[in-house]
Amino acid sequence: MTSGFSPGRSGGVVARFEAAEVSLLRSLVSMMLGLVAPGRVGDDPLERALGIGAGEAPSDPVLARLFPSAYEDEKEASEFRRYTEATLREGKRADAQTVFDTAKPGRAELTPDQAQAWLRSLNDVRLTLGIKLEVTEEVHDEIATMSEDDPRYPAYVTYDWLTYLQDSLVRALW
């Protein structure tokens, strides 16, 4: 069985995975669920009730990549972040949860909405892993010359596999 995605019925896609791949995917999206947990909300009770955030830019480079500033001006960026970050986090959590819930060994049909959630979540997982690994455009050359004994090898191969999955999904949706 070839893992990945192929066109399905009615705009959906067919996903095919081995059990070990499903385990890895679920582990990665579980990490995402924890990473994009609700952020700090404002001190005002109304702000807390509405989910308005504190507006602080993340210091973690991964979160800074997942939730980039919308403006160069710090004040404008903070104000924008206050009103959008909670919704963005919830969207990323919902996408990751969709992957977690629909990743199954063997063949599974994904609806168009589920396929789009997979696409967004795979992108988030790749971005996260890419930041942690300090991936550059030369990543494929690095993997090709990297020894399997290199302690970074499994993570780089995982990143490469996620790239393949994302490409496979884009082609299936195209």
Protein backbone atom coordinates (compact mmCIF):
# COMPACT_ATOMS: atom_id res chain seq x y z
CA MET A 1 0.00 0.00 0.00
CA THR A 2 1.31 3.43 -0.94
CA SER A 3 0.74 5.96 1.82
CA GLY A 4 -0.65 9.37 1.09
CA PHE A 5 -3.66 10.85 -0.62
CA SER A 6 -5.54 10.40 -3.87
CA PRO A 7 -8.65 12.05 -5.28
CA GLY A 8 -11.89 10.81 -3.78
CA ARG A 9 -15.56 11.31 -4.51
CA SER A 10 -17.37 14.65 -4.42
CA GLY A 11 -14.23 16.75 -3.93
CA GLY A 12 -12.94 14.68 -1.03
CA VAL A 13 -9.81 12.61 -0.89
CA VAL A 14 -8.81 9.08 0.00
CA ALA A 15 -6.14 8.75 2.69
CA ARG A 16 -4.03 5.61 2.98
CA PHE A 17 -1.72 4.98 5.92
CA GLU A 18 0.07 2.17 7.70
CA ALA A 19 -0.61 1.79 11.43
CA ALA A 20 2.85 3.13 12.38
CA GLU A 21 2.30 6.21 10.21
CA VAL A 22 -1.05 6.88 11.89
CA SER A 23 0.65 6.60 15.27
CA LEU A 24 3.29 9.13 14.21
CA LEU A 25 0.69 11.52 12.76
CA ARG A 26 -1.41 11.35 15.91
CA SER A 27 1.66 11.99 18.03
CA LEU A 28 2.59 15.04 15.95
CA VAL A 29 -0.90 16.54 15.97
CA SER A 30 -1.17 15.88 19.72
CA MET A 31 1.94 18.00 20.07
CA MET A 32 0.21 20.70 18.00
CA LEU A 33 -2.88 20.54 20.21
CA GLY A 34 -0.71 21.29 23.23
CA LEU A 35 1.32 23.94 21.44
CA VAL A 36 -1.67 25.96 20.28
CA ALA A 37 -3.62 25.65 23.51
CA PRO A 38 -5.55 28.80 24.38
CA GLY A 39 -3.20 31.71 25.05
CA ARG A 40 -3.26 34.23 27.86
CA VAL A 41 -6.40 36.36 27.85
CA GLY A 42 -6.71 39.92 29.09
CA ASP A 43 -7.27 40.79 32.74
CA ASP A 44 -10.64 42.44 32.16
CA PRO A 45 -13.58 40.07 32.92
CA LEU A 46 -15.38 41.07 29.71
CA GLU A 47 -12.22 40.44 27.68
CA ARG A 48 -11.88 37.02 29.30
CA ALA A 49 -15.52 36.22 28.53
CA LEU A 50 -15.07 37.25 24.89
CA GLY A 51 -11.69 35.50 24.53
CA ILE A 52 -9.84 38.71 23.79
CA GLY A 53 -6.17 38.04 24.24
CA ALA A 54 -3.46 39.95 25.98
CA GLY A 55 -1.92 40.98 22.65
CA GLU A 56 1.59 39.82 23.52
CA ALA A 57 3.79 38.58 20.72
CA PRO A 58 5.00 35.05 21.40
CA SER A 59 8.59 34.66 22.52
CA ASP A 60 8.71 31.03 21.38
CA PRO A 61 10.02 30.99 17.77
CA VAL A 62 7.58 28.23 16.81
CA LEU A 63 4.57 30.19 18.06
CA ALA A 64 5.95 33.34 16.44
CA ARG A 65 5.97 31.44 13.13
CA LEU A 66 2.50 29.96 13.63
CA PHE A 67 1.07 33.32 14.76
CA PRO A 68 3.14 35.97 12.99
CA SER A 69 2.62 39.67 13.58
CA ALA A 70 0.23 41.24 11.11
CA TYR A 71 1.89 44.65 11.30
CA GLU A 72 5.43 45.95 11.65
CA ASP A 73 4.25 48.58 14.11
CA GLU A 74 4.31 46.89 17.53
CA LYS A 75 1.23 48.70 18.84
CA GLU A 76 -0.86 47.86 15.77
CA ALA A 77 0.38 44.25 15.82
CA SER A 78 -0.52 43.91 19.50
CA GLU A 79 -4.00 45.32 18.98
CA PHE A 80 -4.64 43.05 16.00
CA ARG A 81 -3.33 40.02 17.94
CA ARG A 82 -5.67 40.75 20.87
CA TYR A 83 -8.72 40.26 18.67
CA THR A 84 -7.56 37.48 16.36
CA GLU A 85 -5.20 35.11 18.16
CA ALA A 86 -7.85 33.18 20.12
CA THR A 87 -9.77 32.43 16.93
CA LEU A 88 -6.59 31.47 15.09
CA ARG A 89 -5.56 29.14 17.92
CA GLU A 90 -9.00 27.52 17.97
CA GLY A 91 -8.84 27.00 14.22
CA LYS A 92 -5.45 25.31 14.47
CA ARG A 93 -6.73 23.15 17.33
CA ALA A 94 -9.83 22.16 15.34
CA ASP A 95 -7.69 21.24 12.32
CA ALA A 96 -5.29 19.17 14.43
CA GLN A 97 -8.24 17.45 16.13
CA THR A 98 -9.70 16.59 12.72
CA VAL A 99 -6.43 14.92 11.73
CA PHE A 100 -6.27 13.09 15.05
CA ASP A 101 -9.85 11.86 14.69
CA THR A 102 -9.71 10.85 11.02
CA ALA A 103 -6.19 9.37 10.77
CA LYS A 104 -6.84 5.65 10.46
CA PRO A 105 -4.77 2.69 9.31
CA GLY A 106 -5.73 1.50 5.85
CA ARG A 107 -8.04 3.46 3.58
CA ALA A 108 -10.22 6.34 4.76
CA GLU A 109 -12.42 8.78 2.83
CA LEU A 110 -12.07 12.43 3.85
CA THR A 111 -14.72 15.02 3.07
CA PRO A 112 -13.57 18.22 1.33
CA ASP A 113 -13.70 20.06 4.68
CA GLN A 114 -11.68 17.34 6.42
CA ALA A 115 -9.13 17.36 3.59
CA GLN A 116 -8.72 21.14 3.95
CA ALA A 117 -8.25 20.73 7.73
CA TRP A 118 -5.58 18.09 7.02
CA LEU A 119 -3.83 20.46 4.63
CA ARG A 120 -3.73 23.28 7.17
CA SER A 121 -2.66 20.99 10.01
CA LEU A 122 0.09 19.28 7.99
CA ASN A 123 1.40 22.75 7.15
CA ASP A 124 1.40 23.72 10.84
CA VAL A 125 3.19 20.51 11.85
CA ARG A 126 5.79 21.00 9.09
CA LEU A 127 6.35 24.62 10.11
CA THR A 128 6.78 23.57 13.74
CA LEU A 129 9.22 20.80 12.94
CA GLY A 130 11.03 23.00 10.41
CA ILE A 131 11.61 25.74 13.01
CA LYS A 132 12.85 23.22 15.58
CA LEU A 133 15.21 21.62 13.03
CA GLU A 134 16.28 25.00 11.59
CA VAL A 135 15.39 23.71 8.13
CA THR A 136 16.79 25.59 5.14
CA GLU A 137 16.17 25.25 1.42
CA GLU A 138 19.00 22.72 1.32
CA VAL A 139 17.10 20.25 3.54
CA HIS A 140 16.82 17.59 0.82
CA ASP A 141 20.55 17.75 0.13
CA GLU A 142 21.22 17.47 3.88
CA ILE A 143 19.00 14.41 4.21
CA ALA A 144 20.60 12.76 1.18
CA THR A 145 24.08 13.08 2.69
CA MET A 146 23.10 12.53 6.33
CA SER A 147 24.13 9.28 7.98
CA GLU A 148 21.33 7.17 9.37
CA ASP A 149 23.34 7.17 12.61
CA ASP A 150 23.01 10.94 12.89
CA PRO A 151 20.69 11.64 15.85
CA ARG A 152 18.86 14.23 13.71
CA TYR A 153 18.13 11.74 10.94
CA PRO A 154 14.70 10.50 12.16
CA ALA A 155 13.41 14.05 12.60
CA TYR A 156 14.65 15.13 9.17
CA VAL A 157 13.13 12.05 7.53
CA THR A 158 9.86 12.81 9.31
CA TYR A 159 9.97 16.37 7.99
CA ASP A 160 10.59 15.01 4.49
CA TRP A 161 7.69 12.57 4.84
CA LEU A 162 5.38 15.37 5.96
CA THR A 163 6.46 17.34 2.88
CA TYR A 164 5.55 14.35 0.72
CA LEU A 165 2.16 14.03 2.44
CA GLN A 166 1.40 17.70 1.99
CA ASP A 167 2.34 17.49 -1.70
CA SER A 168 0.25 14.34 -2.12
CA LEU A 169 -2.76 16.04 -0.52
CA VAL A 170 -2.42 19.19 -2.64
CA ARG A 171 -2.28 17.05 -5.80
CA ALA A 172 -5.33 15.03 -4.69
CA LEU A 173 -7.30 18.24 -4.12
CA TRP A 174 -6.11 19.82 -7.35
